[in-house]
Amino acid sequence: MTRRTIIIDTDPGQDDAAAIMLALSSPELDVRGITAVAGNVPLELTARNARLITEICGRPDVPVFAGADAPLRRKLVTAEYVHGKSGLDGVDLFEPSHPLQERHAVDFIIDTLRDAPEGNVTLCALGPLTNLATVVERAPGVIGRAREIVLMGGGFFEGGNVTPSAEFNIYVDPEAAAIVFGAGVPITMMPLDVTHKVLTTRARVERLRANGNRASKVMADMLDFFERFDEQKYGTDGGPLHDPTVIAWLIDPEMFSGRKCNVEIETVSELTLGATVIDWWKVTDRPENAFVVGGVDSDRFFGLFIERLGRY
């Protein structure tokens, strides 16, 4: 089996933790490193949380690098109201035993892309796109060596989740998103339109908990906390499990459906800042720059997620 080499760029976040757990339990994927960015909580906590998750998974060998502590041109907006003050509320937390790597996350991404064969490394973006945009700005041309970028962010039919028109990851750093979407790298985009179809229902969380191992029980407890916000907001049984869709796409893309579209990022309007303007219906002649996912077999998704976490 040929393993896909990936870097996970993330701001954990319970759903980021779920994505990392799915990736580290999947033999199809070779996780070369995890790069932290400020987003759901400040960088000090996202870098701590990424290391904590790798230890829960028994994978302290996976290096973690700290990256951008603020958006390119704006003040940081965080989401403790969703994720709790730690970013991973819902479980007993501890201080990871293995340290952060000394290299900056952006330098690690640049060096990895330069050293690997062209088209070898997939960048998996689970948070604001500040680190990846900084790669584009600091080392023009290097980002083009990536195989593709698979990201969770944006929305179209579902609107936004932090403003009426903007999804959180894009809203936090819209200038970074505009740079990334304009970089000419193949992009697969997991917007709210697909993540709102993978709900952590009570039955699914209990199936996960029934695995009985530490990682599954920790994740089930995290989801008990995480889903409460969206259950109240949307009136659903469970909440969307956003970020693991990125990893599931790499493992089993046949469970998803979508189409190539042009995606532009609003960076000026106070009313729609951070909106992803997706030309889903091809009403313009702007060039396609992303494969936008819109559908998913949610039972197949959770079957994969629960089975893989049961391997720990």
C-alpha atoms as a PDB file:
ATOM      1  CA  MET A   1       0.000   0.000   0.000  1.00  0.00           C
ATOM      2  CA  THR A   2       1.322   3.437  -0.961  1.00  0.00           C
ATOM      3  CA  ARG A   3       0.851   5.797   1.947  1.00  0.00           C
ATOM      4  CA  ARG A   4      -0.102   9.426   1.358  1.00  0.00           C
ATOM      5  CA  THR A   5       2.258  11.900   3.029  1.00  0.00           C
ATOM      6  CA  ILE A   6       0.396  14.662   4.860  1.00  0.00           C
ATOM      7  CA  ILE A   7       0.962  17.643   7.121  1.00  0.00           C
ATOM      8  CA  ILE A   8      -1.944  18.580   9.399  1.00  0.00           C
ATOM      9  CA  ASP A   9      -2.316  22.333  10.009  1.00  0.00           C
ATOM     10  CA  THR A  10      -4.701  22.774  12.895  1.00  0.00           C
ATOM     11  CA  ASP A  11      -6.121  24.786  15.814  1.00  0.00           C
ATOM     12  CA  PRO A  12      -7.451  22.053  18.192  1.00  0.00           C
ATOM     13  CA  GLY A  13     -10.536  22.180  18.961  1.00  0.00           C
ATOM     14  CA  GLN A  14     -12.461  18.951  19.708  1.00  0.00           C
ATOM     15  CA  ASP A  15     -13.259  18.328  16.034  1.00  0.00           C
ATOM     16  CA  ASP A  16      -9.608  18.967  15.150  1.00  0.00           C
ATOM     17  CA  ALA A  17      -8.726  16.345  17.766  1.00  0.00           C
ATOM     18  CA  ALA A  18     -11.117  13.936  16.053  1.00  0.00           C
ATOM     19  CA  ALA A  19      -9.399  14.577  12.712  1.00  0.00           C
ATOM     20  CA  ILE A  20      -5.933  14.001  14.196  1.00  0.00           C
ATOM     21  CA  MET A  21      -7.090  10.774  15.850  1.00  0.00           C
ATOM     22  CA  LEU A  22      -8.559   9.544  12.572  1.00  0.00           C
ATOM     23  CA  ALA A  23      -5.359  10.354  10.687  1.00  0.00           C
ATOM     24  CA  LEU A  24      -3.005   8.730  13.204  1.00  0.00           C
ATOM     25  CA  SER A  25      -5.041   5.513  13.240  1.00  0.00           C
ATOM     26  CA  SER A  26      -5.144   5.185   9.442  1.00  0.00           C
ATOM     27  CA  PRO A  27      -2.356   3.197   7.755  1.00  0.00           C
ATOM     28  CA  GLU A  28      -3.088   4.900   4.442  1.00  0.00           C
ATOM     29  CA  LEU A  29      -1.616   8.137   5.820  1.00  0.00           C
ATOM     30  CA  ASP A  30       1.921   9.127   6.790  1.00  0.00           C
ATOM     31  CA  VAL A  31       1.593  12.139   9.113  1.00  0.00           C
ATOM     32  CA  ARG A  32       4.954  13.922   8.811  1.00  0.00           C
ATOM     33  CA  GLY A  33       4.048  16.619  11.288  1.00  0.00           C
ATOM     34  CA  ILE A  34       1.356  18.724  12.882  1.00  0.00           C
ATOM     35  CA  THR A  35       1.518  22.502  12.625  1.00  0.00           C
ATOM     36  CA  ALA A  36      -0.466  24.611  15.075  1.00  0.00           C
ATOM     37  CA  VAL A  37      -2.117  27.929  14.315  1.00  0.00           C
ATOM     38  CA  ALA A  38      -4.125  30.341  16.443  1.00  0.00           C
ATOM     39  CA  GLY A  39      -7.848  29.970  15.895  1.00  0.00           C
ATOM     40  CA  ASN A  40     -10.320  28.191  18.138  1.00  0.00           C
ATOM     41  CA  VAL A  41      -8.091  29.223  21.049  1.00  0.00           C
ATOM     42  CA  PRO A  42      -4.753  31.102  21.176  1.00  0.00           C
ATOM     43  CA  LEU A  43      -1.591  29.496  19.800  1.00  0.00           C
ATOM     44  CA  GLU A  44      -0.183  28.528  23.191  1.00  0.00           C
ATOM     45  CA  LEU A  45      -3.199  26.273  23.710  1.00  0.00           C
ATOM     46  CA  THR A  46      -3.532  24.917  20.163  1.00  0.00           C
ATOM     47  CA  ALA A  47       0.154  23.884  20.215  1.00  0.00           C
ATOM     48  CA  ARG A  48      -0.358  22.259  23.635  1.00  0.00           C
ATOM     49  CA  ASN A  49      -3.546  20.535  22.510  1.00  0.00           C
ATOM     50  CA  ALA A  50      -1.944  19.041  19.396  1.00  0.00           C
ATOM     51  CA  ARG A  51       0.794  17.450  21.527  1.00  0.00           C
ATOM     52  CA  LEU A  52      -1.744  16.259  24.066  1.00  0.00           C
ATOM     53  CA  ILE A  53      -3.758  14.502  21.363  1.00  0.00           C
ATOM     54  CA  THR A  54      -0.704  12.731  19.951  1.00  0.00           C
ATOM     55  CA  GLU A  55       0.096  11.415  23.427  1.00  0.00           C
ATOM     56  CA  ILE A  56      -3.455  10.156  23.953  1.00  0.00           C
ATOM     57  CA  CYS A  57      -3.031   8.302  20.661  1.00  0.00           C
ATOM     58  CA  GLY A  58       0.307   6.850  21.744  1.00  0.00           C
ATOM     59  CA  ARG A  59       2.087   8.806  18.987  1.00  0.00           C
ATOM     60  CA  PRO A  60       4.435  11.294  20.666  1.00  0.00           C
ATOM     61  CA  ASP A  61       6.812  10.566  17.783  1.00  0.00           C
ATOM     62  CA  VAL A  62       4.733  12.848  15.537  1.00  0.00           C
ATOM     63  CA  PRO A  63       6.398  16.281  15.752  1.00  0.00           C
ATOM     64  CA  VAL A  64       4.335  19.362  16.549  1.00  0.00           C
ATOM     65  CA  PHE A  65       5.366  22.851  15.435  1.00  0.00           C
ATOM     66  CA  ALA A  66       3.956  26.204  16.576  1.00  0.00           C
ATOM     67  CA  GLY A  67       3.031  28.656  13.835  1.00  0.00           C
ATOM     68  CA  ALA A  68       1.172  31.942  13.491  1.00  0.00           C
ATOM     69  CA  ASP A  69      -0.218  33.436  16.693  1.00  0.00           C
ATOM     70  CA  ALA A  70      -2.455  35.950  14.905  1.00  0.00           C
ATOM     71  CA  PRO A  71      -4.068  36.503  11.493  1.00  0.00           C
ATOM     72  CA  LEU A  72      -2.072  38.244   8.774  1.00  0.00           C
ATOM     73  CA  ARG A  73      -3.710  41.657   9.120  1.00  0.00           C
ATOM     74  CA  ARG A  74      -6.390  41.393  11.804  1.00  0.00           C
ATOM     75  CA  LYS A  75      -6.850  40.819  15.506  1.00  0.00           C
ATOM     76  CA  LEU A  76      -7.412  37.215  16.497  1.00  0.00           C
ATOM     77  CA  VAL A  77     -10.998  36.042  16.983  1.00  0.00           C
ATOM     78  CA  THR A  78     -11.344  32.842  19.040  1.00  0.00           C
ATOM     79  CA  ALA A  79     -14.181  30.408  19.824  1.00  0.00           C
ATOM     80  CA  GLU A  80     -13.994  29.466  23.492  1.00  0.00           C
ATOM     81  CA  TYR A  81     -17.785  29.773  23.559  1.00  0.00           C
ATOM     82  CA  VAL A  82     -17.856  26.592  21.460  1.00  0.00           C
ATOM     83  CA  HIS A  83     -14.736  24.675  22.534  1.00  0.00           C
ATOM     84  CA  GLY A  84     -14.288  25.850  26.128  1.00  0.00           C
ATOM     85  CA  LYS A  85     -11.385  27.811  27.573  1.00  0.00           C
ATOM     86  CA  SER A  86      -8.878  25.032  26.892  1.00  0.00           C
ATOM     87  CA  GLY A  87     -10.105  24.264  23.386  1.00  0.00           C
ATOM     88  CA  LEU A  88     -10.597  20.659  24.484  1.00  0.00           C
ATOM     89  CA  ASP A  89     -13.070  21.027  27.337  1.00  0.00           C
ATOM     90  CA  GLY A  90     -14.990  17.923  28.303  1.00  0.00           C
ATOM     91  CA  VAL A  91     -12.071  15.769  29.471  1.00  0.00           C
ATOM     92  CA  ASP A  92      -9.311  15.891  32.072  1.00  0.00           C
ATOM     93  CA  LEU A  93      -6.333  17.549  30.431  1.00  0.00           C
ATOM     94  CA  PHE A  94      -2.637  17.202  31.223  1.00  0.00           C
ATOM     95  CA  GLU A  95       0.635  18.784  30.205  1.00  0.00           C
ATOM     96  CA  PRO A  96       2.206  16.795  27.355  1.00  0.00           C
ATOM     97  CA  SER A  97       5.555  15.212  28.122  1.00  0.00           C
ATOM     98  CA  HIS A  98       7.138  15.841  24.713  1.00  0.00           C
ATOM     99  CA  PRO A  99       8.115  19.388  23.806  1.00  0.00           C
ATOM    100  CA  LEU A 100       7.266  21.532  20.840  1.00  0.00           C
ATOM    101  CA  GLN A 101       9.753  21.434  18.011  1.00  0.00           C
ATOM    102  CA  GLU A 102      12.048  24.464  17.860  1.00  0.00           C
ATOM    103  CA  ARG A 103      11.415  25.172  14.172  1.00  0.00           C
ATOM    104  CA  HIS A 104       8.556  27.485  13.266  1.00  0.00           C
ATOM    105  CA  ALA A 105       5.616  25.715  11.615  1.00  0.00           C
ATOM    106  CA  VAL A 106       5.973  27.740   8.414  1.00  0.00           C
ATOM    107  CA  ASP A 107       9.651  26.792   8.113  1.00  0.00           C
ATOM    108  CA  PHE A 108       8.755  23.136   8.627  1.00  0.00           C
ATOM    109  CA  ILE A 109       6.142  23.252   5.861  1.00  0.00           C
ATOM    110  CA  ILE A 110       8.521  25.029   3.471  1.00  0.00           C
ATOM    111  CA  ASP A 111      11.394  22.635   4.186  1.00  0.00           C
ATOM    112  CA  THR A 112       9.182  19.564   3.863  1.00  0.00           C
ATOM    113  CA  LEU A 113       7.770  20.695   0.521  1.00  0.00           C
ATOM    114  CA  ARG A 114      11.255  21.512  -0.785  1.00  0.00           C
ATOM    115  CA  ASP A 115      12.788  18.229   0.341  1.00  0.00           C
ATOM    116  CA  ALA A 116       9.979  15.917  -0.810  1.00  0.00           C
ATOM    117  CA  PRO A 117       9.390  14.988  -4.453  1.00  0.00           C
ATOM    118  CA  GLU A 118       7.093  17.469  -6.172  1.00  0.00           C
ATOM    119  CA  GLY A 119       3.441  16.457  -5.826  1.00  0.00           C
ATOM    120  CA  ASN A 120       4.125  14.220  -2.831  1.00  0.00           C
ATOM    121  CA  VAL A 121       2.863  16.144   0.211  1.00  0.00           C
ATOM    122  CA  THR A 122      -0.799  16.893   0.923  1.00  0.00           C
ATOM    123  CA  LEU A 123      -1.541  19.833   3.220  1.00  0.00           C
ATOM    124  CA  CYS A 124      -4.572  19.267   5.458  1.00  0.00           C
ATOM    125  CA  ALA A 125      -5.876  22.574   6.819  1.00  0.00           C
ATOM    126  CA  LEU A 126      -8.310  22.343   9.729  1.00  0.00           C
ATOM    127  CA  GLY A 127      -8.174  25.923  10.997  1.00  0.00           C
ATOM    128  CA  PRO A 128      -7.528  29.460   9.779  1.00  0.00           C
ATOM    129  CA  LEU A 129      -5.198  29.472   6.775  1.00  0.00           C
ATOM    130  CA  THR A 130      -2.591  31.838   8.215  1.00  0.00           C
ATOM    131  CA  ASN A 131       0.298  29.352   8.206  1.00  0.00           C
ATOM    132  CA  LEU A 132      -0.307  28.284   4.604  1.00  0.00           C
ATOM    133  CA  ALA A 133      -0.705  31.853   3.387  1.00  0.00           C
ATOM    134  CA  THR A 134       2.569  32.746   5.096  1.00  0.00           C
ATOM    135  CA  VAL A 135       4.247  29.899   3.200  1.00  0.00           C
ATOM    136  CA  VAL A 136       2.961  31.439  -0.040  1.00  0.00           C
ATOM    137  CA  GLU A 137       4.213  34.905   0.922  1.00  0.00           C
ATOM    138  CA  ARG A 138       7.567  33.826   2.354  1.00  0.00           C
ATOM    139  CA  ALA A 139       8.573  31.245  -0.268  1.00  0.00           C
ATOM    140  CA  PRO A 140       6.752  31.950  -3.538  1.00  0.00           C
ATOM    141  CA  GLY A 141       6.556  28.860  -5.694  1.00  0.00           C
ATOM    142  CA  VAL A 142       7.146  26.353  -2.908  1.00  0.00           C
ATOM    143  CA  ILE A 143       3.433  25.844  -2.195  1.00  0.00           C
ATOM    144  CA  GLY A 144       3.094  24.665  -5.801  1.00  0.00           C
ATOM    145  CA  ARG A 145       5.138  21.584  -4.902  1.00  0.00           C
ATOM    146  CA  ALA A 146       2.235  20.311  -2.752  1.00  0.00           C
ATOM    147  CA  ARG A 147       0.066  17.531  -4.145  1.00  0.00           C
ATOM    148  CA  GLU A 148      -3.039  19.379  -3.002  1.00  0.00           C
ATOM    149  CA  ILE A 149      -4.600  21.286  -0.134  1.00  0.00           C
ATOM    150  CA  VAL A 150      -7.628  19.710   1.538  1.00  0.00           C
ATOM    151  CA  LEU A 151      -9.301  22.147   3.902  1.00  0.00           C
ATOM    152  CA  MET A 152     -12.311  22.544   6.128  1.00  0.00           C
ATOM    153  CA  GLY A 153     -13.818  25.964   5.721  1.00  0.00           C
ATOM    154  CA  GLY A 154     -16.477  28.125   4.165  1.00  0.00           C
ATOM    155  CA  GLY A 155     -20.073  27.525   3.257  1.00  0.00           C
ATOM    156  CA  PHE A 156     -22.605  28.264   0.547  1.00  0.00           C
ATOM    157  CA  PHE A 157     -26.072  26.777   0.951  1.00  0.00           C
ATOM    158  CA  GLU A 158     -25.623  26.600   4.737  1.00  0.00           C
ATOM    159  CA  GLY A 159     -24.459  30.198   5.047  1.00  0.00           C
ATOM    160  CA  GLY A 160     -22.089  30.876   7.933  1.00  0.00           C
ATOM    161  CA  ASN A 161     -21.650  29.761  11.522  1.00  0.00           C
ATOM    162  CA  VAL A 162     -19.933  32.820  13.015  1.00  0.00           C
ATOM    163  CA  THR A 163     -21.774  35.458  10.963  1.00  0.00           C
ATOM    164  CA  PRO A 164     -24.770  34.955   8.656  1.00  0.00           C
ATOM    165  CA  SER A 165     -22.396  34.574   5.702  1.00  0.00           C
ATOM    166  CA  ALA A 166     -19.024  33.433   7.071  1.00  0.00           C
ATOM    167  CA  GLU A 167     -17.656  30.191   8.468  1.00  0.00           C
ATOM    168  CA  PHE A 168     -15.226  30.541  11.397  1.00  0.00           C
ATOM    169  CA  ASN A 169     -11.956  29.341   9.825  1.00  0.00           C
ATOM    170  CA  ILE A 170     -12.288  31.701   6.870  1.00  0.00           C
ATOM    171  CA  TYR A 171     -13.641  34.594   8.945  1.00  0.00           C
ATOM    172  CA  VAL A 172     -10.696  34.557  11.342  1.00  0.00           C
ATOM    173  CA  ASP A 173      -8.216  35.280   8.534  1.00  0.00           C
ATOM    174  CA  PRO A 174      -9.980  36.091   5.259  1.00  0.00           C
ATOM    175  CA  GLU A 175      -6.848  37.617   3.721  1.00  0.00           C
ATOM    176  CA  ALA A 176      -4.992  34.353   4.298  1.00  0.00           C
ATOM    177  CA  ALA A 177      -7.840  32.403   2.714  1.00  0.00           C
ATOM    178  CA  ALA A 178      -7.794  34.673  -0.329  1.00  0.00           C
ATOM    179  CA  ILE A 179      -4.063  34.073  -0.743  1.00  0.00           C
ATOM    180  CA  VAL A 180      -4.424  30.300  -0.472  1.00  0.00           C
ATOM    181  CA  PHE A 181      -7.366  30.074  -2.883  1.00  0.00           C
ATOM    182  CA  GLY A 182      -5.394  32.188  -5.335  1.00  0.00           C
ATOM    183  CA  ALA A 183      -2.160  30.199  -5.059  1.00  0.00           C
ATOM    184  CA  GLY A 184      -2.863  27.855  -7.970  1.00  0.00           C
ATOM    185  CA  VAL A 185      -2.636  24.660  -5.895  1.00  0.00           C
ATOM    186  CA  PRO A 186      -5.351  21.995  -6.301  1.00  0.00           C
ATOM    187  CA  ILE A 187      -7.827  22.525  -3.446  1.00  0.00           C
ATOM    188  CA  THR A 188     -10.535  20.282  -2.054  1.00  0.00           C
ATOM    189  CA  MET A 189     -12.904  22.248   0.177  1.00  0.00           C
ATOM    190  CA  MET A 190     -15.085  20.809   2.942  1.00  0.00           C
ATOM    191  CA  PRO A 191     -17.629  23.573   3.661  1.00  0.00           C
ATOM    192  CA  LEU A 192     -20.448  23.647   6.176  1.00  0.00           C
ATOM    193  CA  ASP A 193     -22.669  22.276   3.411  1.00  0.00           C
ATOM    194  CA  VAL A 194     -21.082  18.857   3.912  1.00  0.00           C
ATOM    195  CA  THR A 195     -20.011  19.017   7.576  1.00  0.00           C
ATOM    196  CA  HIS A 196     -23.573  19.793   8.673  1.00  0.00           C
ATOM    197  CA  LYS A 197     -24.531  16.387   7.269  1.00  0.00           C
ATOM    198  CA  VAL A 198     -22.230  14.438   9.618  1.00  0.00           C
ATOM    199  CA  LEU A 199     -23.950  14.802  12.977  1.00  0.00           C
ATOM    200  CA  THR A 200     -22.652  13.340  16.226  1.00  0.00           C
ATOM    201  CA  THR A 201     -25.972  11.788  17.188  1.00  0.00           C
ATOM    202  CA  ARG A 202     -26.344  10.196  20.594  1.00  0.00           C
ATOM    203  CA  ALA A 203     -26.354   6.725  19.044  1.00  0.00           C
ATOM    204  CA  ARG A 204     -23.122   7.394  17.137  1.00  0.00           C
ATOM    205  CA  VAL A 205     -21.328   8.788  20.187  1.00  0.00           C
ATOM    206  CA  GLU A 206     -22.345   5.764  22.250  1.00  0.00           C
ATOM    207  CA  ARG A 207     -21.088   3.420  19.509  1.00  0.00           C
ATOM    208  CA  LEU A 208     -17.775   5.254  19.685  1.00  0.00           C
ATOM    209  CA  ARG A 209     -17.659   5.006  23.483  1.00  0.00           C
ATOM    210  CA  ALA A 210     -18.416   1.286  23.249  1.00  0.00           C
ATOM    211  CA  ASN A 211     -15.033   0.744  21.576  1.00  0.00           C
ATOM    212  CA  GLY A 212     -13.779   0.806  25.155  1.00  0.00           C
ATOM    213  CA  ASN A 213     -10.268   2.093  24.481  1.00  0.00           C
ATOM    214  CA  ARG A 214      -8.815   5.316  25.840  1.00  0.00           C
ATOM    215  CA  ALA A 215      -8.874   7.349  22.626  1.00  0.00           C
ATOM    216  CA  SER A 216     -12.497   6.457  21.884  1.00  0.00           C
ATOM    217  CA  LYS A 217     -13.672   7.250  25.410  1.00  0.00           C
ATOM    218  CA  VAL A 218     -11.784  10.557  25.457  1.00  0.00           C
ATOM    219  CA  MET A 219     -13.269  11.548  22.109  1.00  0.00           C
ATOM    220  CA  ALA A 220     -16.784  10.547  23.196  1.00  0.00           C
ATOM    221  CA  ASP A 221     -16.414  12.752  26.288  1.00  0.00           C
ATOM    222  CA  MET A 222     -15.118  15.626  24.150  1.00  0.00           C
ATOM    223  CA  LEU A 223     -18.085  15.276  21.811  1.00  0.00           C
ATOM    224  CA  ASP A 224     -20.513  15.313  24.747  1.00  0.00           C
ATOM    225  CA  PHE A 225     -19.188  18.799  25.518  1.00  0.00           C
ATOM    226  CA  PHE A 226     -18.650  20.001  21.950  1.00  0.00           C
ATOM    227  CA  GLU A 227     -22.050  19.055  20.556  1.00  0.00           C
ATOM    228  CA  ARG A 228     -24.026  20.921  23.204  1.00  0.00           C
ATOM    229  CA  PHE A 229     -23.502  24.294  21.492  1.00  0.00           C
ATOM    230  CA  ASP A 230     -24.676  23.197  18.052  1.00  0.00           C
ATOM    231  CA  GLU A 231     -27.550  21.122  19.446  1.00  0.00           C
ATOM    232  CA  GLN A 232     -28.899  24.278  21.082  1.00  0.00           C
ATOM    233  CA  LYS A 233     -28.161  26.384  18.003  1.00  0.00           C
ATOM    234  CA  TYR A 234     -29.594  24.085  15.328  1.00  0.00           C
ATOM    235  CA  GLY A 235     -32.028  21.989  17.341  1.00  0.00           C
ATOM    236  CA  THR A 236     -30.462  18.742  16.130  1.00  0.00           C
ATOM    237  CA  ASP A 237     -29.527  15.408  17.684  1.00  0.00           C
ATOM    238  CA  GLY A 238     -25.799  16.043  17.864  1.00  0.00           C
ATOM    239  CA  GLY A 239     -23.675  18.636  16.148  1.00  0.00           C
ATOM    240  CA  PRO A 240     -21.547  18.723  12.980  1.00  0.00           C
ATOM    241  CA  LEU A 241     -18.183  16.960  13.170  1.00  0.00           C
ATOM    242  CA  HIS A 242     -16.379  19.314  10.812  1.00  0.00           C
ATOM    243  CA  ASP A 243     -12.666  18.615  10.575  1.00  0.00           C
ATOM    244  CA  PRO A 244     -12.503  14.805  10.227  1.00  0.00           C
ATOM    245  CA  THR A 245     -14.173  15.163   6.820  1.00  0.00           C
ATOM    246  CA  VAL A 246     -10.773  16.350   5.545  1.00  0.00           C
ATOM    247  CA  ILE A 247      -9.100  13.120   6.650  1.00  0.00           C
ATOM    248  CA  ALA A 248     -11.991  10.904   5.571  1.00  0.00           C
ATOM    249  CA  TRP A 249     -11.714  12.387   2.061  1.00  0.00           C
ATOM    250  CA  LEU A 250      -8.122  11.168   1.835  1.00  0.00           C
ATOM    251  CA  ILE A 251      -9.081   7.652   2.958  1.00  0.00           C
ATOM    252  CA  ASP A 252     -12.403   7.104   1.178  1.00  0.00           C
ATOM    253  CA  PRO A 253     -13.261   9.896  -1.278  1.00  0.00           C
ATOM    254  CA  GLU A 254     -16.053   7.804  -2.804  1.00  0.00           C
ATOM    255  CA  MET A 255     -18.270   8.590   0.186  1.00  0.00           C
ATOM    256  CA  PHE A 256     -18.327  12.259  -0.893  1.00  0.00           C
ATOM    257  CA  SER A 257     -19.738  14.172  -3.860  1.00  0.00           C
ATOM    258  CA  GLY A 258     -19.151  17.678  -5.155  1.00  0.00           C
ATOM    259  CA  ARG A 259     -18.060  19.720  -8.159  1.00  0.00           C
ATOM    260  CA  LYS A 260     -15.279  21.994  -9.333  1.00  0.00           C
ATOM    261  CA  CYS A 261     -16.107  25.654  -8.786  1.00  0.00           C
ATOM    262  CA  ASN A 262     -14.607  29.075  -8.578  1.00  0.00           C
ATOM    263  CA  VAL A 263     -14.280  30.201  -4.959  1.00  0.00           C
ATOM    264  CA  GLU A 264     -13.519  33.799  -4.011  1.00  0.00           C
ATOM    265  CA  ILE A 265     -13.101  35.212  -0.487  1.00  0.00           C
ATOM    266  CA  GLU A 266     -14.735  38.443   0.666  1.00  0.00           C
ATOM    267  CA  THR A 267     -12.126  40.592   2.446  1.00  0.00           C
ATOM    268  CA  VAL A 268     -13.680  44.078   2.333  1.00  0.00           C
ATOM    269  CA  SER A 269     -17.369  44.124   3.228  1.00  0.00           C
ATOM    270  CA  GLU A 270     -18.236  44.600   6.894  1.00  0.00           C
ATOM    271  CA  LEU A 271     -21.503  42.786   6.269  1.00  0.00           C
ATOM    272  CA  THR A 272     -20.132  39.664   4.544  1.00  0.00           C
ATOM    273  CA  LEU A 273     -16.464  39.591   5.628  1.00  0.00           C
ATOM    274  CA  GLY A 274     -15.046  36.085   5.284  1.00  0.00           C
ATOM    275  CA  ALA A 275     -17.803  34.819   3.003  1.00  0.00           C
ATOM    276  CA  THR A 276     -16.797  32.148   0.503  1.00  0.00           C
ATOM    277  CA  VAL A 277     -18.412  33.201  -2.771  1.00  0.00           C
ATOM    278  CA  ILE A 278     -18.831  29.856  -4.530  1.00  0.00           C
ATOM    279  CA  ASP A 279     -19.911  29.816  -8.163  1.00  0.00           C
ATOM    280  CA  TRP A 280     -21.785  26.527  -7.715  1.00  0.00           C
ATOM    281  CA  TRP A 281     -24.170  27.175 -10.615  1.00  0.00           C
ATOM    282  CA  LYS A 282     -21.472  28.378 -13.065  1.00  0.00           C
ATOM    283  CA  VAL A 283     -23.053  31.780 -13.529  1.00  0.00           C
ATOM    284  CA  THR A 284     -19.680  33.477 -14.129  1.00  0.00           C
ATOM    285  CA  ASP A 285     -16.714  32.645 -16.306  1.00  0.00           C
ATOM    286  CA  ARG A 286     -14.252  32.858 -13.414  1.00  0.00           C
ATOM    287  CA  PRO A 287     -11.815  29.896 -13.517  1.00  0.00           C
ATOM    288  CA  GLU A 288     -12.408  26.879 -11.285  1.00  0.00           C
ATOM    289  CA  ASN A 289      -9.956  26.816  -8.383  1.00  0.00           C
ATOM    290  CA  ALA A 290     -11.411  24.256  -5.962  1.00  0.00           C
ATOM    291  CA  PHE A 291     -13.347  21.007  -5.776  1.00  0.00           C
ATOM    292  CA  VAL A 292     -16.193  21.936  -3.443  1.00  0.00           C
ATOM    293  CA  VAL A 293     -17.710  18.991  -1.589  1.00  0.00           C
ATOM    294  CA  GLY A 294     -21.441  19.121  -0.998  1.00  0.00           C
ATOM    295  CA  GLY A 295     -22.628  15.585  -0.203  1.00  0.00           C
ATOM    296  CA  VAL A 296     -21.547  12.714   2.037  1.00  0.00           C
ATOM    297  CA  ASP A 297     -22.717   9.273   3.114  1.00  0.00           C
ATOM    298  CA  SER A 298     -22.857  10.081   6.814  1.00  0.00           C
ATOM    299  CA  ASP A 299     -23.313   6.478   7.974  1.00  0.00           C
ATOM    300  CA  ARG A 300     -20.256   5.428   5.974  1.00  0.00           C
ATOM    301  CA  PHE A 301     -18.321   8.377   7.436  1.00  0.00           C
ATOM    302  CA  PHE A 302     -19.112   7.450  11.026  1.00  0.00           C
ATOM    303  CA  GLY A 303     -18.516   3.783  10.332  1.00  0.00           C
ATOM    304  CA  LEU A 304     -14.990   4.659   9.257  1.00  0.00           C
ATOM    305  CA  PHE A 305     -14.421   7.097  12.127  1.00  0.00           C
ATOM    306  CA  ILE A 306     -15.611   4.715  14.855  1.00  0.00           C
ATOM    307  CA  GLU A 307     -13.772   1.713  13.434  1.00  0.00           C
ATOM    308  CA  ARG A 308     -10.471   3.580  13.117  1.00  0.00           C
ATOM    309  CA  LEU A 309     -10.557   5.024  16.621  1.00  0.00           C
ATOM    310  CA  GLY A 310     -11.254   1.500  17.863  1.00  0.00           C
ATOM    311  CA  ARG A 311      -7.806   0.489  16.614  1.00  0.00           C
ATOM    312  CA  TYR A 312      -5.988   2.414  19.356  1.00  0.00           C
END
